[in-house]
Amino acid sequence: IFHWKDPEELFALAHFIAATRPGYDLAHFEAEAPTAHPKVTVMNIPA
């Protein structure tokens, strides 16, 4: 998403929920994405 068209406007329009499965490498996600972004929440879902 951070490489999509008009990413700043995306975050102005919606809150983003990033769904992960058990075993997903959250460290990789946190290294790549500004999870501190107030409009992004990580949600764990069952496997």
ModelCIF file with pLDDT and N, C-alpha, C, O atoms, coordinates in Angstrom:
data_MODEL
#
_entry.id   MODEL 
#
_entity.id                         1 
_entity.type                       polymer 
_entity.pdbx_number_of_molecules   1 
#
_entity_poly.entity_id                      1 
_entity_poly.type                           'polypeptide(L)' 
_entity_poly.nstd_linkage                   no 
_entity_poly.nstd_monomer                   no 
_entity_poly.pdbx_seq_one_letter_code       IFHWKDPEELFALAHFIAATRPGYDLAHFEAEAPTAHPKVTVMNIPA 
_entity_poly.pdbx_seq_one_letter_code_can   IFHWKDPEELFALAHFIAATRPGYDLAHFEAEAPTAHPKVTVMNIPA 
_entity_poly.pdbx_strand_id                 A 
#
loop_
_entity_poly_seq.entity_id 
_entity_poly_seq.num 
_entity_poly_seq.mon_id 
_entity_poly_seq.hetero 
1 1  ILE n 
1 2  PHE n 
1 3  HIS n 
1 4  TRP n 
1 5  LYS n 
1 6  ASP n 
1 7  PRO n 
1 8  GLU n 
1 9  GLU n 
1 10 LEU n 
1 11 PHE n 
1 12 ALA n 
1 13 LEU n 
1 14 ALA n 
1 15 HIS n 
1 16 PHE n 
1 17 ILE n 
1 18 ALA n 
1 19 ALA n 
1 20 THR n 
1 21 ARG n 
1 22 PRO n 
1 23 GLY n 
1 24 TYR n 
1 25 ASP n 
1 26 LEU n 
1 27 ALA n 
1 28 HIS n 
1 29 PHE n 
1 30 GLU n 
1 31 ALA n 
1 32 GLU n 
1 33 ALA n 
1 34 PRO n 
1 35 THR n 
1 36 ALA n 
1 37 HIS n 
1 38 PRO n 
1 39 LYS n 
1 40 VAL n 
1 41 THR n 
1 42 VAL n 
1 43 MET n 
1 44 ASN n 
1 45 ILE n 
1 46 PRO n 
1 47 ALA n 
#
_struct_asym.id          A 
_struct_asym.entity_id   1 
#
loop_
_ma_qa_metric.id 
_ma_qa_metric.mode 
_ma_qa_metric.name 
_ma_qa_metric.software_group_id 
_ma_qa_metric.type 
1 global pLDDT . pLDDT 
2 local  pLDDT . pLDDT 
#
_ma_qa_metric_global.metric_id      1 
_ma_qa_metric_global.metric_value   78.15 
_ma_qa_metric_global.model_id       1 
_ma_qa_metric_global.ordinal_id     1 
#
loop_
_ma_qa_metric_local.label_asym_id 
_ma_qa_metric_local.label_comp_id 
_ma_qa_metric_local.label_seq_id 
_ma_qa_metric_local.metric_id 
_ma_qa_metric_local.metric_value 
_ma_qa_metric_local.model_id 
_ma_qa_metric_local.ordinal_id 
A ILE 1  2 77.00 1 1  
A PHE 2  2 72.00 1 2  
A HIS 3  2 74.00 1 3  
A TRP 4  2 74.00 1 4  
A LYS 5  2 74.00 1 5  
A ASP 6  2 82.00 1 6  
A PRO 7  2 80.00 1 7  
A GLU 8  2 83.00 1 8  
A GLU 9  2 90.00 1 9  
A LEU 10 2 90.00 1 10 
A PHE 11 2 89.00 1 11 
A ALA 12 2 92.00 1 12 
A LEU 13 2 95.00 1 13 
A ALA 14 2 95.00 1 14 
A HIS 15 2 95.00 1 15 
A PHE 16 2 93.00 1 16 
A ILE 17 2 94.00 1 17 
A ALA 18 2 90.00 1 18 
A ALA 19 2 90.00 1 19 
A THR 20 2 86.00 1 20 
A ARG 21 2 72.00 1 21 
A PRO 22 2 67.00 1 22 
A GLY 23 2 70.00 1 23 
A TYR 24 2 73.00 1 24 
A ASP 25 2 73.00 1 25 
A LEU 26 2 73.00 1 26 
A ALA 27 2 72.00 1 27 
A HIS 28 2 70.00 1 28 
A PHE 29 2 72.00 1 29 
A GLU 30 2 72.00 1 30 
A ALA 31 2 71.00 1 31 
A GLU 32 2 70.00 1 32 
A ALA 33 2 64.00 1 33 
A PRO 34 2 55.00 1 34 
A THR 35 2 49.00 1 35 
A ALA 36 2 53.00 1 36 
A HIS 37 2 66.00 1 37 
A PRO 38 2 67.00 1 38 
A LYS 39 2 83.00 1 39 
A VAL 40 2 86.00 1 40 
A THR 41 2 89.00 1 41 
A VAL 42 2 88.00 1 42 
A MET 43 2 91.00 1 43 
A ASN 44 2 85.00 1 44 
A ILE 45 2 85.00 1 45 
A PRO 46 2 75.00 1 46 
A ALA 47 2 67.00 1 47 
#
loop_
_atom_site.group_PDB 
_atom_site.id 
_atom_site.type_symbol 
_atom_site.label_atom_id 
_atom_site.label_alt_id 
_atom_site.label_comp_id 
_atom_site.label_asym_id 
_atom_site.label_entity_id 
_atom_site.label_seq_id 
_atom_site.pdbx_PDB_ins_code 
_atom_site.Cartn_x 
_atom_site.Cartn_y 
_atom_site.Cartn_z 
_atom_site.occupancy 
_atom_site.B_iso_or_equiv 
_atom_site.pdbx_formal_charge 
_atom_site.auth_seq_id 
_atom_site.auth_comp_id 
_atom_site.auth_asym_id 
_atom_site.auth_atom_id 
_atom_site.pdbx_PDB_model_num 
ATOM 1   N N  . ILE A 1 1  ? 0.823   -1.215  0.000  1.00 77.00 ? 1  ILE A N  1 
ATOM 2   C CA . ILE A 1 1  ? 0.000   0.000   0.000  1.00 77.00 ? 1  ILE A CA 1 
ATOM 3   C C  . ILE A 1 1  ? 0.855   1.263   0.000  1.00 77.00 ? 1  ILE A C  1 
ATOM 4   O O  . ILE A 1 1  ? 0.483   2.279   -0.586 1.00 77.00 ? 1  ILE A O  1 
ATOM 5   N N  . PHE A 1 2  ? 1.992   1.184   0.657  1.00 72.00 ? 2  PHE A N  1 
ATOM 6   C CA . PHE A 1 2  ? 2.852   2.366   0.734  1.00 72.00 ? 2  PHE A CA 1 
ATOM 7   C C  . PHE A 1 2  ? 3.428   2.734   -0.636 1.00 72.00 ? 2  PHE A C  1 
ATOM 8   O O  . PHE A 1 2  ? 4.015   3.802   -0.808 1.00 72.00 ? 2  PHE A O  1 
ATOM 9   N N  . HIS A 1 3  ? 3.249   1.822   -1.616 1.00 74.00 ? 3  HIS A N  1 
ATOM 10  C CA . HIS A 1 3  ? 3.700   2.094   -2.990 1.00 74.00 ? 3  HIS A CA 1 
ATOM 11  C C  . HIS A 1 3  ? 2.508   2.285   -3.925 1.00 74.00 ? 3  HIS A C  1 
ATOM 12  O O  . HIS A 1 3  ? 2.688   2.457   -5.131 1.00 74.00 ? 3  HIS A O  1 
ATOM 13  N N  . TRP A 1 4  ? 1.302   2.255   -3.382 1.00 74.00 ? 4  TRP A N  1 
ATOM 14  C CA . TRP A 1 4  ? 0.100   2.430   -4.197 1.00 74.00 ? 4  TRP A CA 1 
ATOM 15  C C  . TRP A 1 4  ? -0.054  3.887   -4.595 1.00 74.00 ? 4  TRP A C  1 
ATOM 16  O O  . TRP A 1 4  ? 0.679   4.763   -4.138 1.00 74.00 ? 4  TRP A O  1 
ATOM 17  N N  . LYS A 1 5  ? -1.039  4.118   -5.471 1.00 74.00 ? 5  LYS A N  1 
ATOM 18  C CA . LYS A 1 5  ? -1.348  5.472   -5.924 1.00 74.00 ? 5  LYS A CA 1 
ATOM 19  C C  . LYS A 1 5  ? -1.866  6.303   -4.737 1.00 74.00 ? 5  LYS A C  1 
ATOM 20  O O  . LYS A 1 5  ? -2.776  5.871   -4.030 1.00 74.00 ? 5  LYS A O  1 
ATOM 21  N N  . ASP A 1 6  ? -1.291  7.486   -4.521 1.00 82.00 ? 6  ASP A N  1 
ATOM 22  C CA . ASP A 1 6  ? -1.725  8.452   -3.493 1.00 82.00 ? 6  ASP A CA 1 
ATOM 23  C C  . ASP A 1 6  ? -1.847  7.847   -2.089 1.00 82.00 ? 6  ASP A C  1 
ATOM 24  O O  . ASP A 1 6  ? -2.927  7.891   -1.500 1.00 82.00 ? 6  ASP A O  1 
ATOM 25  N N  . PRO A 1 7  ? -0.746  7.275   -1.534 1.00 80.00 ? 7  PRO A N  1 
ATOM 26  C CA . PRO A 1 7  ? -0.858  6.607   -0.232 1.00 80.00 ? 7  PRO A CA 1 
ATOM 27  C C  . PRO A 1 7  ? -1.310  7.532   0.898  1.00 80.00 ? 7  PRO A C  1 
ATOM 28  O O  . PRO A 1 7  ? -2.046  7.095   1.782  1.00 80.00 ? 7  PRO A O  1 
ATOM 29  N N  . GLU A 1 8  ? -0.894  8.781   0.892  1.00 83.00 ? 8  GLU A N  1 
ATOM 30  C CA . GLU A 1 8  ? -1.300  9.672   1.989  1.00 83.00 ? 8  GLU A CA 1 
ATOM 31  C C  . GLU A 1 8  ? -2.806  9.918   1.970  1.00 83.00 ? 8  GLU A C  1 
ATOM 32  O O  . GLU A 1 8  ? -3.439  10.007  3.022  1.00 83.00 ? 8  GLU A O  1 
ATOM 33  N N  . GLU A 1 9  ? -3.374  10.028  0.770  1.00 90.00 ? 9  GLU A N  1 
ATOM 34  C CA . GLU A 1 9  ? -4.831  10.207  0.690  1.00 90.00 ? 9  GLU A CA 1 
ATOM 35  C C  . GLU A 1 9  ? -5.553  8.955   1.150  1.00 90.00 ? 9  GLU A C  1 
ATOM 36  O O  . GLU A 1 9  ? -6.621  9.040   1.757  1.00 90.00 ? 9  GLU A O  1 
ATOM 37  N N  . LEU A 1 10 ? -4.979  7.789   0.865  1.00 90.00 ? 10 LEU A N  1 
ATOM 38  C CA . LEU A 1 10 ? -5.582  6.537   1.335  1.00 90.00 ? 10 LEU A CA 1 
ATOM 39  C C  . LEU A 1 10 ? -5.790  6.578   2.848  1.00 90.00 ? 10 LEU A C  1 
ATOM 40  O O  . LEU A 1 10 ? -6.860  6.235   3.351  1.00 90.00 ? 10 LEU A O  1 
ATOM 41  N N  . PHE A 1 11 ? -4.746  7.003   3.564  1.00 89.00 ? 11 PHE A N  1 
ATOM 42  C CA . PHE A 1 11 ? -4.821  7.029   5.033  1.00 89.00 ? 11 PHE A CA 1 
ATOM 43  C C  . PHE A 1 11 ? -5.741  8.137   5.537  1.00 89.00 ? 11 PHE A C  1 
ATOM 44  O O  . PHE A 1 11 ? -6.239  8.067   6.660  1.00 89.00 ? 11 PHE A O  1 
ATOM 45  N N  . ALA A 1 12 ? -5.965  9.147   4.723  1.00 92.00 ? 12 ALA A N  1 
ATOM 46  C CA . ALA A 1 12 ? -6.920  10.196  5.097  1.00 92.00 ? 12 ALA A CA 1 
ATOM 47  C C  . ALA A 1 12 ? -8.353  9.688   4.945  1.00 92.00 ? 12 ALA A C  1 
ATOM 48  O O  . ALA A 1 12 ? -9.257  10.149  5.641  1.00 92.00 ? 12 ALA A O  1 
ATOM 49  N N  . LEU A 1 13 ? -8.557  8.728   4.025  1.00 95.00 ? 13 LEU A N  1 
ATOM 50  C CA . LEU A 1 13 ? -9.899  8.232   3.724  1.00 95.00 ? 13 LEU A CA 1 
ATOM 51  C C  . LEU A 1 13 ? -10.337 7.077   4.616  1.00 95.00 ? 13 LEU A C  1 
ATOM 52  O O  . LEU A 1 13 ? -11.530 6.920   4.875  1.00 95.00 ? 13 LEU A O  1 
ATOM 53  N N  . ALA A 1 14 ? -9.389  6.262   5.094  1.00 95.00 ? 14 ALA A N  1 
ATOM 54  C CA . ALA A 1 14 ? -9.771  5.055   5.837  1.00 95.00 ? 14 ALA A CA 1 
ATOM 55  C C  . ALA A 1 14 ? -8.720  4.666   6.862  1.00 95.00 ? 14 ALA A C  1 
ATOM 56  O O  . ALA A 1 14 ? -7.553  5.050   6.774  1.00 95.00 ? 14 ALA A O  1 
ATOM 57  N N  . HIS A 1 15 ? -9.180  3.883   7.844  1.00 95.00 ? 15 HIS A N  1 
ATOM 58  C CA . HIS A 1 15 ? -8.276  3.223   8.792  1.00 95.00 ? 15 HIS A CA 1 
ATOM 59  C C  . HIS A 1 15 ? -7.938  1.875   8.159  1.00 95.00 ? 15 HIS A C  1 
ATOM 60  O O  . HIS A 1 15 ? -8.828  1.222   7.613  1.00 95.00 ? 15 HIS A O  1 
ATOM 61  N N  . PHE A 1 16 ? -6.697  1.446   8.214  1.00 93.00 ? 16 PHE A N  1 
ATOM 62  C CA . PHE A 1 16 ? -6.281  0.194   7.576  1.00 93.00 ? 16 PHE A CA 1 
ATOM 63  C C  . PHE A 1 16 ? -6.078  -0.908  8.608  1.00 93.00 ? 16 PHE A C  1 
ATOM 64  O O  . PHE A 1 16 ? -5.409  -0.716  9.624  1.00 93.00 ? 16 PHE A O  1 
ATOM 65  N N  . ILE A 1 17 ? -6.675  -2.074  8.324  1.00 94.00 ? 17 ILE A N  1 
ATOM 66  C CA . ILE A 1 17 ? -6.548  -3.251  9.185  1.00 94.00 ? 17 ILE A CA 1 
ATOM 67  C C  . ILE A 1 17 ? -5.701  -4.265  8.426  1.00 94.00 ? 17 ILE A C  1 
ATOM 68  O O  . ILE A 1 17 ? -6.108  -4.758  7.374  1.00 94.00 ? 17 ILE A O  1 
ATOM 69  N N  . ALA A 1 18 ? -4.520  -4.576  8.962  1.00 90.00 ? 18 ALA A N  1 
ATOM 70  C CA . ALA A 1 18 ? -3.605  -5.532  8.329  1.00 90.00 ? 18 ALA A CA 1 
ATOM 71  C C  . ALA A 1 18 ? -3.782  -6.886  9.007  1.00 90.00 ? 18 ALA A C  1 
ATOM 72  O O  . ALA A 1 18 ? -3.386  -7.062  10.160 1.00 90.00 ? 18 ALA A O  1 
ATOM 73  N N  . ALA A 1 19 ? -4.374  -7.839  8.298  1.00 90.00 ? 19 ALA A N  1 
ATOM 74  C CA . ALA A 1 19 ? -4.667  -9.158  8.869  1.00 90.00 ? 19 ALA A CA 1 
ATOM 75  C C  . ALA A 1 19 ? -3.461  -10.079 8.728  1.00 90.00 ? 19 ALA A C  1 
ATOM 76  O O  . ALA A 1 19 ? -2.852  -10.170 7.662  1.00 90.00 ? 19 ALA A O  1 
ATOM 77  N N  . THR A 1 20 ? -3.128  -10.760 9.824  1.00 86.00 ? 20 THR A N  1 
ATOM 78  C CA . THR A 1 20 ? -2.018  -11.721 9.802  1.00 86.00 ? 20 THR A CA 1 
ATOM 79  C C  . THR A 1 20 ? -2.504  -13.075 10.300 1.00 86.00 ? 20 THR A C  1 
ATOM 80  O O  . THR A 1 20 ? -3.465  -13.168 11.063 1.00 86.00 ? 20 THR A O  1 
ATOM 81  N N  . ARG A 1 21 ? -1.818  -14.120 9.852  1.00 72.00 ? 21 ARG A N  1 
ATOM 82  C CA . ARG A 1 21 ? -2.111  -15.478 10.304 1.00 72.00 ? 21 ARG A CA 1 
ATOM 83  C C  . ARG A 1 21 ? -1.042  -15.889 11.301 1.00 72.00 ? 21 ARG A C  1 
ATOM 84  O O  . ARG A 1 21 ? 0.053   -15.327 11.291 1.00 72.00 ? 21 ARG A O  1 
ATOM 85  N N  . PRO A 1 22 ? -1.342  -16.882 12.183 1.00 67.00 ? 22 PRO A N  1 
ATOM 86  C CA . PRO A 1 22 ? -0.306  -17.398 13.078 1.00 67.00 ? 22 PRO A CA 1 
ATOM 87  C C  . PRO A 1 22 ? 0.897   -17.864 12.262 1.00 67.00 ? 22 PRO A C  1 
ATOM 88  O O  . PRO A 1 22 ? 0.744   -18.491 11.213 1.00 67.00 ? 22 PRO A O  1 
ATOM 89  N N  . GLY A 1 23 ? 2.082   -17.554 12.751 1.00 70.00 ? 23 GLY A N  1 
ATOM 90  C CA . GLY A 1 23 ? 3.293   -17.918 12.033 1.00 70.00 ? 23 GLY A CA 1 
ATOM 91  C C  . GLY A 1 23 ? 3.774   -16.818 11.105 1.00 70.00 ? 23 GLY A C  1 
ATOM 92  O O  . GLY A 1 23 ? 4.878   -16.897 10.565 1.00 70.00 ? 23 GLY A O  1 
ATOM 93  N N  . TYR A 1 24 ? 2.947   -15.786 10.914 1.00 73.00 ? 24 TYR A N  1 
ATOM 94  C CA . TYR A 1 24 ? 3.373   -14.671 10.057 1.00 73.00 ? 24 TYR A CA 1 
ATOM 95  C C  . TYR A 1 24 ? 4.482   -13.905 10.774 1.00 73.00 ? 24 TYR A C  1 
ATOM 96  O O  . TYR A 1 24 ? 4.399   -13.663 11.978 1.00 73.00 ? 24 TYR A O  1 
ATOM 97  N N  . ASP A 1 25 ? 5.510   -13.528 10.037 1.00 73.00 ? 25 ASP A N  1 
ATOM 98  C CA . ASP A 1 25 ? 6.659   -12.837 10.629 1.00 73.00 ? 25 ASP A CA 1 
ATOM 99  C C  . ASP A 1 25 ? 6.338   -11.349 10.826 1.00 73.00 ? 25 ASP A C  1 
ATOM 100 O O  . ASP A 1 25 ? 6.544   -10.531 9.930  1.00 73.00 ? 25 ASP A O  1 
ATOM 101 N N  . LEU A 1 26 ? 5.835   -11.023 12.011 1.00 73.00 ? 26 LEU A N  1 
ATOM 102 C CA . LEU A 1 26 ? 5.466   -9.637  12.295 1.00 73.00 ? 26 LEU A CA 1 
ATOM 103 C C  . LEU A 1 26 ? 6.682   -8.720  12.317 1.00 73.00 ? 26 LEU A C  1 
ATOM 104 O O  . LEU A 1 26 ? 6.573   -7.532  12.013 1.00 73.00 ? 26 LEU A O  1 
ATOM 105 N N  . ALA A 1 27 ? 7.847   -9.272  12.678 1.00 72.00 ? 27 ALA A N  1 
ATOM 106 C CA . ALA A 1 27 ? 9.065   -8.456  12.706 1.00 72.00 ? 27 ALA A CA 1 
ATOM 107 C C  . ALA A 1 27 ? 9.363   -7.917  11.312 1.00 72.00 ? 27 ALA A C  1 
ATOM 108 O O  . ALA A 1 27 ? 9.779   -6.769  11.152 1.00 72.00 ? 27 ALA A O  1 
ATOM 109 N N  . HIS A 1 28 ? 9.144   -8.765  10.303 1.00 70.00 ? 28 HIS A N  1 
ATOM 110 C CA . HIS A 1 28 ? 9.346   -8.346  8.905  1.00 70.00 ? 28 HIS A CA 1 
ATOM 111 C C  . HIS A 1 28 ? 8.375   -7.213  8.571  1.00 70.00 ? 28 HIS A C  1 
ATOM 112 O O  . HIS A 1 28 ? 8.758   -6.218  7.955  1.00 70.00 ? 28 HIS A O  1 
ATOM 113 N N  . PHE A 1 29 ? 7.122   -7.372  8.981  1.00 72.00 ? 29 PHE A N  1 
ATOM 114 C CA . PHE A 1 29 ? 6.107   -6.354  8.706  1.00 72.00 ? 29 PHE A CA 1 
ATOM 115 C C  . PHE A 1 29 ? 6.476   -5.042  9.383  1.00 72.00 ? 29 PHE A C  1 
ATOM 116 O O  . PHE A 1 29 ? 6.411   -3.978  8.767  1.00 72.00 ? 29 PHE A O  1 
ATOM 117 N N  . GLU A 1 30 ? 6.865   -5.121  10.651 1.00 72.00 ? 30 GLU A N  1 
ATOM 118 C CA . GLU A 1 30 ? 7.188   -3.912  11.410 1.00 72.00 ? 30 GLU A CA 1 
ATOM 119 C C  . GLU A 1 30 ? 8.432   -3.217  10.862 1.00 72.00 ? 30 GLU A C  1 
ATOM 120 O O  . GLU A 1 30 ? 8.554   -1.994  10.947 1.00 72.00 ? 30 GLU A O  1 
ATOM 121 N N  . ALA A 1 31 ? 9.354   -3.998  10.301 1.00 71.00 ? 31 ALA A N  1 
ATOM 122 C CA . ALA A 1 31 ? 10.560  -3.408  9.710  1.00 71.00 ? 31 ALA A CA 1 
ATOM 123 C C  . ALA A 1 31 ? 10.234  -2.662  8.418  1.00 71.00 ? 31 ALA A C  1 
ATOM 124 O O  . ALA A 1 31 ? 10.842  -1.639  8.104  1.00 71.00 ? 31 ALA A O  1 
ATOM 125 N N  . GLU A 1 32 ? 9.263   -3.195  7.677  1.00 70.00 ? 32 GLU A N  1 
ATOM 126 C CA . GLU A 1 32 ? 8.928   -2.645  6.363  1.00 70.00 ? 32 GLU A CA 1 
ATOM 127 C C  . GLU A 1 32 ? 7.871   -1.545  6.415  1.00 70.00 ? 32 GLU A C  1 
ATOM 128 O O  . GLU A 1 32 ? 7.893   -0.621  5.602  1.00 70.00 ? 32 GLU A O  1 
ATOM 129 N N  . ALA A 1 33 ? 6.941   -1.644  7.374  1.00 64.00 ? 33 ALA A N  1 
ATOM 130 C CA . ALA A 1 33 ? 5.786   -0.739  7.389  1.00 64.00 ? 33 ALA A CA 1 
ATOM 131 C C  . ALA A 1 33 ? 5.804   0.136   8.633  1.00 64.00 ? 33 ALA A C  1 
ATOM 132 O O  . ALA A 1 33 ? 6.162   -0.326  9.716  1.00 64.00 ? 33 ALA A O  1 
ATOM 133 N N  . PRO A 1 34 ? 5.422   1.386   8.480  1.00 55.00 ? 34 PRO A N  1 
ATOM 134 C CA . PRO A 1 34 ? 5.324   2.246   9.661  1.00 55.00 ? 34 PRO A CA 1 
ATOM 135 C C  . PRO A 1 34 ? 4.077   1.884   10.473 1.00 55.00 ? 34 PRO A C  1 
ATOM 136 O O  . PRO A 1 34 ? 3.046   2.549   10.376 1.00 55.00 ? 34 PRO A O  1 
ATOM 137 N N  . THR A 1 35 ? 4.191   0.799   11.290 1.00 49.00 ? 35 THR A N  1 
ATOM 138 C CA . THR A 1 35 ? 3.030   0.361   12.069 1.00 49.00 ? 35 THR A CA 1 
ATOM 139 C C  . THR A 1 35 ? 2.655   1.406   13.108 1.00 49.00 ? 35 THR A C  1 
ATOM 140 O O  . THR A 1 35 ? 1.551   1.387   13.651 1.00 49.00 ? 35 THR A O  1 
ATOM 141 N N  . ALA A 1 36 ? 3.573   2.309   13.376 1.00 53.00 ? 36 ALA A N  1 
ATOM 142 C CA . ALA A 1 36 ? 3.244   3.378   14.301 1.00 53.00 ? 36 ALA A CA 1 
ATOM 143 C C  . ALA A 1 36 ? 2.268   4.350   13.651 1.00 53.00 ? 36 ALA A C  1 
ATOM 144 O O  . ALA A 1 36 ? 1.726   5.235   14.312 1.00 53.00 ? 36 ALA A O  1 
ATOM 145 N N  . HIS A 1 37 ? 2.050   4.178   12.348 1.00 66.00 ? 37 HIS A N  1 
ATOM 146 C CA . HIS A 1 37 ? 1.100   5.019   11.635 1.00 66.00 ? 37 HIS A CA 1 
ATOM 147 C C  . HIS A 1 37 ? -0.239  4.910   12.359 1.00 66.00 ? 37 HIS A C  1 
ATOM 148 O O  . HIS A 1 37 ? -0.732  3.800   12.560 1.00 66.00 ? 37 HIS A O  1 
ATOM 149 N N  . PRO A 1 38 ? -0.833  6.019   12.752 1.00 67.00 ? 38 PRO A N  1 
ATOM 150 C CA . PRO A 1 38 ? -2.066  5.951   13.547 1.00 67.00 ? 38 PRO A CA 1 
ATOM 151 C C  . PRO A 1 38 ? -3.243  5.329   12.808 1.00 67.00 ? 38 PRO A C  1 
ATOM 152 O O  . PRO A 1 38 ? -4.251  4.988   13.426 1.00 67.00 ? 38 PRO A O  1 
ATOM 153 N N  . LYS A 1 39 ? -3.126  5.179   11.490 1.00 83.00 ? 39 LYS A N  1 
ATOM 154 C CA . LYS A 1 39 ? -4.241  4.637   10.720 1.00 83.00 ? 39 LYS A CA 1 
ATOM 155 C C  . LYS A 1 39 ? -4.019  3.174   10.307 1.00 83.00 ? 39 LYS A C  1 
ATOM 156 O O  . LYS A 1 39 ? -4.689  2.688   9.396  1.00 83.00 ? 39 LYS A O  1 
ATOM 157 N N  . VAL A 1 40 ? -3.081  2.463   10.969 1.00 86.00 ? 40 VAL A N  1 
ATOM 158 C CA . VAL A 1 40 ? -2.838  1.051   10.656 1.00 86.00 ? 40 VAL A CA 1 
ATOM 159 C C  . VAL A 1 40 ? -2.915  0.239   11.946 1.00 86.00 ? 40 VAL A C  1 
ATOM 160 O O  . VAL A 1 40 ? -2.238  0.549   12.926 1.00 86.00 ? 40 VAL A O  1 
ATOM 161 N N  . THR A 1 41 ? -3.754  -0.815  11.937 1.00 89.00 ? 41 THR A N  1 
ATOM 162 C CA . THR A 1 41 ? -3.851  -1.715  13.075 1.00 89.00 ? 41 THR A CA 1 
ATOM 163 C C  . THR A 1 41 ? -3.618  -3.132  12.567 1.00 89.00 ? 41 THR A C  1 
ATOM 164 O O  . THR A 1 41 ? -4.173  -3.527  11.542 1.00 89.00 ? 41 THR A O  1 
ATOM 165 N N  . VAL A 1 42 ? -2.796  -3.898  13.285 1.00 88.00 ? 42 VAL A N  1 
ATOM 166 C CA . VAL A 1 42 ? -2.571  -5.297  12.929 1.00 88.00 ? 42 VAL A CA 1 
ATOM 167 C C  . VAL A 1 42 ? -3.636  -6.141  13.623 1.00 88.00 ? 42 VAL A C  1 
ATOM 168 O O  . VAL A 1 42 ? -3.892  -5.960  14.814 1.00 88.00 ? 42 VAL A O  1 
ATOM 169 N N  . MET A 1 43 ? -4.253  -7.056  12.893 1.00 91.00 ? 43 MET A N  1 
ATOM 170 C CA . MET A 1 43 ? -5.277  -7.944  13.435 1.00 91.00 ? 43 MET A CA 1 
ATOM 171 C C  . MET A 1 43 ? -4.857  -9.383  13.184 1.00 91.00 ? 43 MET A C  1 
ATOM 172 O O  . MET A 1 43 ? -4.640  -9.780  12.039 1.00 91.00 ? 43 MET A O  1 
ATOM 173 N N  . ASN A 1 44 ? -4.744  -10.162 14.247 1.00 85.00 ? 44 ASN A N  1 
ATOM 174 C CA . ASN A 1 44 ? -4.422  -11.581 14.097 1.00 85.00 ? 44 ASN A CA 1 
ATOM 175 C C  . ASN A 1 44 ? -5.706  -12.365 13.857 1.00 85.00 ? 44 ASN A C  1 
ATOM 176 O O  . ASN A 1 44 ? -6.713  -12.150 14.532 1.00 85.00 ? 44 ASN A O  1 
ATOM 177 N N  . ILE A 1 45 ? -5.660  -13.276 12.887 1.00 85.00 ? 45 ILE A N  1 
ATOM 178 C CA . ILE A 1 45 ? -6.812  -14.138 12.634 1.00 85.00 ? 45 ILE A CA 1 
ATOM 179 C C  . ILE A 1 45 ? -6.375  -15.591 12.789 1.00 85.00 ? 45 ILE A C  1 
ATOM 180 O O  . ILE A 1 45 ? -5.188  -15.896 12.671 1.00 85.00 ? 45 ILE A O  1 
ATOM 181 N N  . PRO A 1 46 ? -7.329  -16.495 13.055 1.00 75.00 ? 46 PRO A N  1 
ATOM 182 C CA . PRO A 1 46 ? -6.973  -17.914 13.210 1.00 75.00 ? 46 PRO A CA 1 
ATOM 183 C C  . PRO A 1 46 ? -6.311  -18.464 11.949 1.00 75.00 ? 46 PRO A C  1 
ATOM 184 O O  . PRO A 1 46 ? -6.468  -17.920 10.856 1.00 75.00 ? 46 PRO A O  1 
ATOM 185 N N  . ALA A 1 47 ? -5.578  -19.541 12.125 1.00 67.00 ? 47 ALA A N  1 
ATOM 186 C CA . ALA A 1 47 ? -4.842  -20.140 11.005 1.00 67.00 ? 47 ALA A CA 1 
ATOM 187 C C  . ALA A 1 47 ? -5.790  -20.722 9.972  1.00 67.00 ? 47 ALA A C  1 
ATOM 188 O O  . ALA A 1 47 ? -5.343  -21.266 8.962  1.00 67.00 ? 47 ALA A O  1 
#
